[in-house]
Protein backbone atom coordinates (compact mmCIF):
# COMPACT_ATOMS: atom_id res chain seq x y z
CA UNK A 1 0.21 8.43 -4.95
CA UNK A 2 -0.34 6.26 -2.10
CA UNK A 3 -0.78 7.93 1.39
CA UNK A 4 0.61 5.38 3.84
CA UNK A 5 1.27 8.03 6.56
CA UNK A 6 -1.98 7.09 8.68
CA UNK A 7 -0.80 9.28 11.59
CA UNK A 8 -1.34 12.52 9.82
CA UNK A 9 -4.91 11.56 8.65
CA UNK A 10 -7.87 13.03 10.52
CA UNK A 11 -10.35 10.27 10.70
CA UNK A 12 -12.79 11.88 13.21
CA UNK A 13 -14.10 14.37 10.86
CA UNK A 14 -18.05 14.60 10.59
CA UNK A 15 -17.81 13.57 6.83
CA UNK A 16 -15.76 10.43 7.71
CA UNK A 17 -17.96 9.39 10.61
CA UNK A 18 -21.03 9.76 8.43
CA UNK A 19 -19.46 7.86 5.58
CA UNK A 20 -18.52 5.05 7.92
CA UNK A 21 -21.88 4.92 9.56
CA UNK A 22 -23.72 4.76 6.18
CA UNK A 23 -21.42 2.10 4.82
CA UNK A 24 -21.56 -0.07 7.85
CA UNK A 25 -25.22 -0.12 7.75
CA UNK A 26 -25.39 -0.89 4.06
CA UNK A 27 -22.87 -3.56 4.35
CA UNK A 28 -24.67 -5.18 7.31
CA UNK A 29 -26.83 -8.28 7.53
CA UNK A 30 -30.01 -5.99 7.44
CA UNK A 31 -29.49 -5.31 3.76
CA UNK A 32 -29.29 -8.67 2.06
CA UNK A 33 -29.22 -6.97 -1.41
CA UNK A 34 -26.04 -5.07 -0.90
CA UNK A 35 -25.69 -4.87 -4.61
CA UNK A 36 -28.76 -2.62 -4.89
CA UNK A 37 -26.74 -0.03 -2.82
CA UNK A 38 -23.45 -0.18 -4.64
CA UNK A 39 -23.44 3.28 -5.73
CA UNK A 40 -24.10 4.72 -2.31
CA UNK A 41 -21.40 2.41 -0.67
CA UNK A 42 -18.88 3.53 -3.41
CA UNK A 43 -19.65 7.26 -2.64
CA UNK A 44 -19.00 6.48 1.06
CA UNK A 45 -15.36 5.32 0.08
CA UNK A 46 -14.90 8.23 -2.33
CA UNK A 47 -16.07 10.96 -0.08
CA UNK A 48 -13.76 9.75 2.87
CA UNK A 49 -10.82 11.91 3.62
CA UNK A 50 -8.47 10.74 2.29
CA UNK A 51 -10.51 8.84 -0.45
CA UNK A 52 -10.42 5.00 -0.02
CA UNK A 53 -10.02 4.20 -3.76
CA UNK A 54 -8.46 0.79 -3.14
CA UNK A 55 -11.37 -0.35 -0.85
CA UNK A 56 -13.73 0.72 -3.49
CA UNK A 57 -11.95 -1.10 -6.20
CA UNK A 58 -11.92 -4.23 -3.94
CA UNK A 59 -15.69 -3.95 -3.56
CA UNK A 60 -15.78 -3.87 -7.47
CA UNK A 61 -13.80 -7.12 -7.51
CA UNK A 62 -16.16 -8.86 -5.58
CA UNK A 63 -19.09 -7.59 -7.56
CA UNK A 64 -17.50 -8.56 -10.74
CA UNK A 65 -17.36 -12.14 -9.65
CA UNK A 66 -21.10 -12.06 -8.56
CA UNK A 67 -22.47 -10.02 -11.31
CA UNK A 68 -20.24 -8.58 -14.19
CA UNK A 69 -23.03 -6.52 -15.75
CA UNK A 70 -23.69 -4.57 -12.50
CA UNK A 71 -19.85 -4.50 -11.99
CA UNK A 72 -19.45 -2.62 -15.17
CA UNK A 73 -22.39 -0.21 -14.30
CA UNK A 74 -20.77 0.52 -11.07
CA UNK A 75 -17.49 1.09 -12.57
CA UNK A 76 -18.94 3.61 -14.96
CA UNK A 77 -20.46 5.38 -12.01
CA UNK A 78 -17.18 5.42 -10.10
CA UNK A 79 -15.24 6.72 -13.31
CA UNK A 80 -17.89 9.55 -13.25
CA UNK A 81 -16.62 10.49 -9.80
CA UNK A 82 -12.95 9.88 -10.04
CA UNK A 83 -10.53 10.08 -12.92
CA UNK A 84 -10.11 6.75 -14.55
CA UNK A 85 -6.29 7.23 -14.69
CA UNK A 86 -6.34 7.55 -10.96
CA UNK A 87 -8.34 4.36 -10.59
CA UNK A 88 -6.01 2.51 -12.88
CA UNK A 89 -3.04 3.03 -10.86
CA UNK A 90 -4.83 1.82 -7.77
CA UNK A 91 -6.39 -1.01 -9.69
CA UNK A 92 -2.82 -2.27 -10.36
CA UNK A 93 -2.33 -2.77 -6.61
CA UNK A 94 -5.26 -5.21 -6.46
CA UNK A 95 -3.05 -7.42 -8.70
CA UNK A 96 -6.48 -8.19 -10.58
CA UNK A 97 -5.51 -7.52 -14.38
CA UNK A 98 -9.11 -8.32 -15.48
CA UNK A 99 -10.12 -5.33 -13.25
CA UNK A 100 -7.30 -3.18 -14.63
CA UNK A 101 -8.18 -3.80 -18.17
CA UNK A 102 -11.88 -2.82 -17.35
CA UNK A 103 -10.78 0.34 -15.95
CA UNK A 104 -8.28 1.08 -18.64
CA UNK A 105 -11.14 1.05 -21.21
CA UNK A 106 -12.40 4.40 -19.63
CA UNK A 107 -8.98 5.98 -19.90
CA UNK A 108 -7.25 7.64 -22.78
CA UNK A 109 -4.37 5.25 -22.40
CA UNK A 110 -2.96 3.50 -25.58
CA UNK A 111 -3.94 -0.33 -25.32
CA UNK A 112 -0.47 -1.26 -26.88
CA UNK A 113 1.26 0.38 -24.07
CA UNK A 114 -0.73 -0.94 -21.01
CA UNK A 115 -1.31 -4.39 -22.49
CA UNK A 116 2.30 -4.71 -22.94
CA UNK A 117 3.02 -3.61 -19.43
CA UNK A 118 0.45 -6.21 -18.14
CA UNK A 119 1.84 -8.88 -20.26
CA UNK A 120 5.24 -8.17 -18.69
CA UNK A 121 3.64 -8.47 -15.12
CA UNK A 122 1.91 -11.70 -16.02
CA UNK A 123 5.24 -13.28 -17.03
CA UNK A 124 6.81 -11.95 -13.70
CA UNK A 125 3.81 -13.42 -11.93
CA UNK A 126 4.48 -16.86 -13.34
CA UNK A 127 8.09 -16.77 -12.08
CA UNK A 128 7.88 -14.82 -8.95
CA UNK A 129 4.47 -13.41 -7.66
CA UNK A 130 6.13 -11.50 -4.83
CA UNK A 131 8.66 -9.76 -7.27
CA UNK A 132 5.64 -8.90 -9.49
CA UNK A 133 3.75 -7.23 -6.62
CA UNK A 134 6.99 -5.56 -5.65
CA UNK A 135 7.42 -4.09 -9.11
CA UNK A 136 3.89 -2.79 -9.31
CA UNK A 137 4.35 -0.92 -5.91
CA UNK A 138 7.65 0.43 -7.01
CA UNK A 139 6.27 1.78 -10.43
CA UNK A 140 3.37 3.40 -8.17
CA UNK A 141 5.80 4.93 -5.93
CA UNK A 142 4.12 2.97 -3.10
CA UNK A 143 7.42 2.09 -1.29
CA UNK A 144 5.88 0.92 2.01
CA UNK A 145 3.55 -1.40 -0.20
CA UNK A 146 6.60 -2.75 -1.91
CA UNK A 147 8.32 -3.52 1.36
CA UNK A 148 5.18 -5.22 2.84
CA UNK A 149 5.15 -7.49 -0.33
CA UNK A 150 9.07 -8.28 0.08
CA UNK A 151 8.56 -9.02 3.78
CA UNK A 152 6.15 -11.97 2.87
CA UNK A 153 8.96 -13.66 0.90
CA UNK A 154 11.53 -13.77 3.71
CA UNK A 155 15.24 -14.12 3.39
CA UNK A 156 15.16 -14.21 -0.17
CA UNK A 157 14.33 -10.52 -0.77
CA UNK A 158 16.40 -9.02 2.12
CA UNK A 159 18.64 -7.25 -0.25
CA UNK A 160 15.91 -5.39 -2.16
CA UNK A 161 14.17 -4.82 1.21
CA UNK A 162 17.26 -3.30 2.72
CA UNK A 163 17.69 -0.90 -0.24
CA UNK A 164 14.08 0.32 0.16
CA UNK A 165 14.31 0.72 3.94
CA UNK A 166 17.40 2.84 3.59
CA UNK A 167 16.40 4.91 0.41
CA UNK A 168 13.03 5.86 1.88
CA UNK A 169 13.68 5.87 5.70
CA UNK A 170 11.24 3.22 6.43
CA UNK A 171 13.00 1.91 9.55
CA UNK A 172 10.16 1.82 12.00
CA UNK A 173 7.84 0.20 9.33
CA UNK A 174 10.59 -2.54 8.57
CA UNK A 175 11.20 -3.15 12.21
CA UNK A 176 7.52 -3.96 12.59
CA UNK A 177 7.38 -6.19 9.43
CA UNK A 178 10.55 -7.99 10.24
CA UNK A 179 9.99 -8.57 13.99
CA UNK A 180 10.46 -12.37 13.77
CA UNK A 181 12.71 -14.60 15.50
CA UNK A 182 13.68 -16.10 12.05
CA UNK A 183 14.81 -12.74 10.84
CA UNK A 184 17.11 -11.86 14.01
CA UNK A 185 20.16 -10.87 12.00
CA UNK A 186 18.29 -8.77 9.44
CA UNK A 187 16.30 -7.16 12.14
CA UNK A 188 19.43 -6.13 13.97
CA UNK A 189 20.77 -4.74 10.68
CA UNK A 190 17.76 -2.58 10.29
CA UNK A 191 18.34 -1.02 13.78
CA UNK A 192 21.98 -0.30 12.96
CA UNK A 193 20.95 1.43 9.88
CA UNK A 194 18.32 3.52 11.85
CA UNK A 195 21.20 4.32 14.18
CA UNK A 196 23.30 5.57 11.27
CA UNK A 197 20.60 7.53 9.96
CA UNK A 198 20.01 9.33 13.32
CA UNK A 199 23.67 10.09 13.52
CA UNK A 200 23.58 11.68 10.17
CA UNK A 201 20.73 14.07 10.91
CA UNK A 202 21.62 17.97 11.41
CA UNK A 203 22.85 19.22 14.70
CA UNK A 204 19.87 21.02 15.78
CA UNK A 205 19.07 18.41 18.47
CA UNK A 206 22.31 16.50 18.44
CA UNK A 207 21.95 15.07 22.03
CA UNK A 208 18.53 13.70 21.30
CA UNK A 209 19.66 11.91 18.10
CA UNK A 210 22.75 10.54 19.86
CA UNK A 211 20.71 9.16 22.65
CA UNK A 212 18.17 7.46 20.02
CA UNK A 213 21.08 6.30 17.75
CA UNK A 214 22.72 4.76 20.81
CA UNK A 215 19.45 2.85 21.66
CA UNK A 216 19.42 1.58 18.22
CA UNK A 217 22.96 0.50 18.15
CA UNK A 218 22.31 -1.25 21.41
CA UNK A 219 19.39 -3.04 19.99
CA UNK A 220 21.49 -4.15 17.03
CA UNK A 221 24.13 -5.52 19.55
CA UNK A 222 26.68 -3.27 18.02
CA UNK A 223 28.09 -2.10 21.44
CA UNK A 224 31.03 -0.42 20.15
CA UNK A 225 28.94 2.21 18.21
CA UNK A 226 26.39 2.44 21.07
CA UNK A 227 29.27 3.27 23.55
CA UNK A 228 30.87 5.64 21.13
């Protein structure tokens, strides 16, 4: 549901350039009454490739605070362009349950089901906000998003983070998130796991895999594996 692989996205298409140019203009200081152009701004998010649903919803979040009536009208317009069920999933990742309920009213979802789910999330939020955000991202199959949330909590969440890293092969992303002197031991552990993964790959390019794995083991200070 959530495309985190930015490297495969072509941002230089004509459509994206036009969307970006129009959006930057309408969000600039020249247009003081940005709310008057909210529909056009939303279109620039939706027509991007890939669509920027989360950014569109964050704009609605701000509008909801400033003018709830206009926010409701803008949401109706957005639901005309995008399936409400899709928006519901992305709204969960804003962690704004008021916005989620606003969107849920435009779906065919049973209120008993989504209200129960939101109540469970509210209870989790009171006990552990990071765990709540982690659960939402896991439920939405946004594993990188879940890892990002866990990384904000530090050592307490290393076990959960390590499980996601290995299950979904998020080694490089994890090395970026945990590149911190405070996490030196865990950082080395991630490198070792990446080395193990490279060793497990098919024999098509074994020499290259061995070389990369050796570098990972060296970075993890597991010199025995590196020399082997």
